[in-house]
Amino acid sequence: MIVVEKTRDIGILKALGASRRGIMSIFLGYGLALGVVGSGVGVCWVWSLSITSTRSKTGSRGCWEERSLTRPSITSPRSPLRSIP
């Protein structure tokens, strides 16, 4: 909703006798509903992407197996303090 539409809607609601608190609750409720729906859609989308990418990479294995979570250790041949002049 753009600002011009909100201004017009607020003017119409005030002309019909709506209180300031009532107008605020309408717009806060609208924003809350929009946020909840958007979050739900986003969570479902990411969940479906994670399921499809897990199945394509691991086949029938799970993505939480021990070997898929471990990484090789990184060793440094020099001490980091020796590189400081």
C-alpha atoms as a PDB file:
ATOM      1  CA  MET A   1       0.000   0.000   0.000  1.00  0.00           C
ATOM      2  CA  ILE A   2       1.480   3.347  -0.974  1.00  0.00           C
ATOM      3  CA  VAL A   3       1.376   6.482   1.153  1.00  0.00           C
ATOM      4  CA  VAL A   4      -1.248   8.210  -1.011  1.00  0.00           C
ATOM      5  CA  GLU A   5      -3.618   5.276  -0.588  1.00  0.00           C
ATOM      6  CA  LYS A   6      -3.040   5.206   3.178  1.00  0.00           C
ATOM      7  CA  THR A   7      -3.670   8.943   3.459  1.00  0.00           C
ATOM      8  CA  ARG A   8      -6.891   8.614   1.489  1.00  0.00           C
ATOM      9  CA  ASP A   9      -8.021   5.608   3.541  1.00  0.00           C
ATOM     10  CA  ILE A  10      -7.249   7.392   6.818  1.00  0.00           C
ATOM     11  CA  GLY A  11      -9.229  10.415   5.629  1.00  0.00           C
ATOM     12  CA  ILE A  12     -12.207   8.255   4.709  1.00  0.00           C
ATOM     13  CA  LEU A  13     -12.090   6.421   8.036  1.00  0.00           C
ATOM     14  CA  LYS A  14     -11.892   9.721   9.968  1.00  0.00           C
ATOM     15  CA  ALA A  15     -14.815  11.095   7.958  1.00  0.00           C
ATOM     16  CA  LEU A  16     -16.824   8.042   8.961  1.00  0.00           C
ATOM     17  CA  GLY A  17     -15.994   8.713  12.622  1.00  0.00           C
ATOM     18  CA  ALA A  18     -13.229   6.209  13.324  1.00  0.00           C
ATOM     19  CA  SER A  19     -11.018   6.919  16.307  1.00  0.00           C
ATOM     20  CA  ARG A  20      -7.272   7.342  16.073  1.00  0.00           C
ATOM     21  CA  ARG A  21      -6.768   4.091  17.939  1.00  0.00           C
ATOM     22  CA  GLY A  22      -9.138   2.242  15.610  1.00  0.00           C
ATOM     23  CA  ILE A  23      -7.309   3.480  12.518  1.00  0.00           C
ATOM     24  CA  MET A  24      -3.960   2.522  14.021  1.00  0.00           C
ATOM     25  CA  SER A  25      -5.188  -0.968  14.885  1.00  0.00           C
ATOM     26  CA  ILE A  26      -6.468  -1.478  11.334  1.00  0.00           C
ATOM     27  CA  PHE A  27      -3.109  -0.637   9.776  1.00  0.00           C
ATOM     28  CA  LEU A  28      -1.099  -2.532  12.399  1.00  0.00           C
ATOM     29  CA  GLY A  29      -3.321  -5.573  11.889  1.00  0.00           C
ATOM     30  CA  TYR A  30      -2.842  -5.298   8.137  1.00  0.00           C
ATOM     31  CA  GLY A  31       0.934  -5.098   8.557  1.00  0.00           C
ATOM     32  CA  LEU A  32       0.982  -8.012  10.990  1.00  0.00           C
ATOM     33  CA  ALA A  33      -1.112 -10.193   8.685  1.00  0.00           C
ATOM     34  CA  LEU A  34       1.090  -9.326   5.727  1.00  0.00           C
ATOM     35  CA  GLY A  35       4.214 -10.184   7.736  1.00  0.00           C
ATOM     36  CA  VAL A  36       2.840 -13.509   8.962  1.00  0.00           C
ATOM     37  CA  VAL A  37       1.718 -14.581   5.491  1.00  0.00           C
ATOM     38  CA  GLY A  38       5.016 -13.508   3.934  1.00  0.00           C
ATOM     39  CA  SER A  39       7.016 -15.330   6.593  1.00  0.00           C
ATOM     40  CA  GLY A  40       4.953 -18.471   6.147  1.00  0.00           C
ATOM     41  CA  VAL A  41       5.425 -18.435   2.399  1.00  0.00           C
ATOM     42  CA  GLY A  42       9.165 -17.833   2.834  1.00  0.00           C
ATOM     43  CA  VAL A  43       9.554 -20.682   5.320  1.00  0.00           C
ATOM     44  CA  CYS A  44       7.650 -23.086   3.069  1.00  0.00           C
ATOM     45  CA  TRP A  45       9.723 -22.046   0.061  1.00  0.00           C
ATOM     46  CA  VAL A  46      13.045 -22.495   1.861  1.00  0.00           C
ATOM     47  CA  TRP A  47      11.897 -25.808   3.330  1.00  0.00           C
ATOM     48  CA  SER A  48      10.950 -27.127  -0.114  1.00  0.00           C
ATOM     49  CA  LEU A  49      14.287 -25.951  -1.537  1.00  0.00           C
ATOM     50  CA  SER A  50      16.194 -27.659   1.263  1.00  0.00           C
ATOM     51  CA  ILE A  51      14.293 -30.909   0.739  1.00  0.00           C
ATOM     52  CA  THR A  52      14.935 -30.953  -3.015  1.00  0.00           C
ATOM     53  CA  SER A  53      18.614 -30.009  -2.672  1.00  0.00           C
ATOM     54  CA  THR A  54      19.148 -32.614   0.062  1.00  0.00           C
ATOM     55  CA  ARG A  55      17.617 -35.354  -2.043  1.00  0.00           C
ATOM     56  CA  SER A  56      19.603 -34.446  -5.126  1.00  0.00           C
ATOM     57  CA  LYS A  57      22.950 -34.299  -3.286  1.00  0.00           C
ATOM     58  CA  THR A  58      22.668 -37.234  -0.912  1.00  0.00           C
ATOM     59  CA  GLY A  59      20.277 -39.531  -2.715  1.00  0.00           C
ATOM     60  CA  SER A  60      18.503 -41.674  -0.133  1.00  0.00           C
ATOM     61  CA  ARG A  61      21.069 -40.884   2.577  1.00  0.00           C
ATOM     62  CA  GLY A  62      20.272 -38.200   5.108  1.00  0.00           C
ATOM     63  CA  CYS A  63      22.038 -34.870   5.086  1.00  0.00           C
ATOM     64  CA  TRP A  64      22.869 -35.160   8.795  1.00  0.00           C
ATOM     65  CA  GLU A  65      25.235 -38.107   8.558  1.00  0.00           C
ATOM     66  CA  GLU A  66      28.563 -37.935  10.361  1.00  0.00           C
ATOM     67  CA  ARG A  67      30.734 -37.743   7.253  1.00  0.00           C
ATOM     68  CA  SER A  68      28.700 -34.959   5.683  1.00  0.00           C
ATOM     69  CA  LEU A  69      29.108 -32.789   8.783  1.00  0.00           C
ATOM     70  CA  THR A  70      32.846 -33.216   9.323  1.00  0.00           C
ATOM     71  CA  ARG A  71      35.479 -31.182   7.539  1.00  0.00           C
ATOM     72  CA  PRO A  72      39.205 -31.778   7.242  1.00  0.00           C
ATOM     73  CA  SER A  73      41.329 -29.964   9.773  1.00  0.00           C
ATOM     74  CA  ILE A  74      43.291 -26.957   8.609  1.00  0.00           C
ATOM     75  CA  THR A  75      46.915 -26.859   9.688  1.00  0.00           C
ATOM     76  CA  SER A  76      49.290 -23.971   9.336  1.00  0.00           C
ATOM     77  CA  PRO A  77      53.029 -24.570   8.813  1.00  0.00           C
ATOM     78  CA  ARG A  78      53.896 -21.257  10.482  1.00  0.00           C
ATOM     79  CA  SER A  79      52.851 -19.615  13.665  1.00  0.00           C
ATOM     80  CA  PRO A  80      50.741 -16.489  13.124  1.00  0.00           C
ATOM     81  CA  LEU A  81      52.906 -14.573  15.624  1.00  0.00           C
ATOM     82  CA  ARG A  82      56.048 -15.057  13.522  1.00  0.00           C
ATOM     83  CA  SER A  83      54.595 -13.060  10.635  1.00  0.00           C
ATOM     84  CA  ILE A  84      54.388  -9.879  12.760  1.00  0.00           C
ATOM     85  CA  PRO A  85      57.591  -7.777  12.327  1.00  0.00           C
END
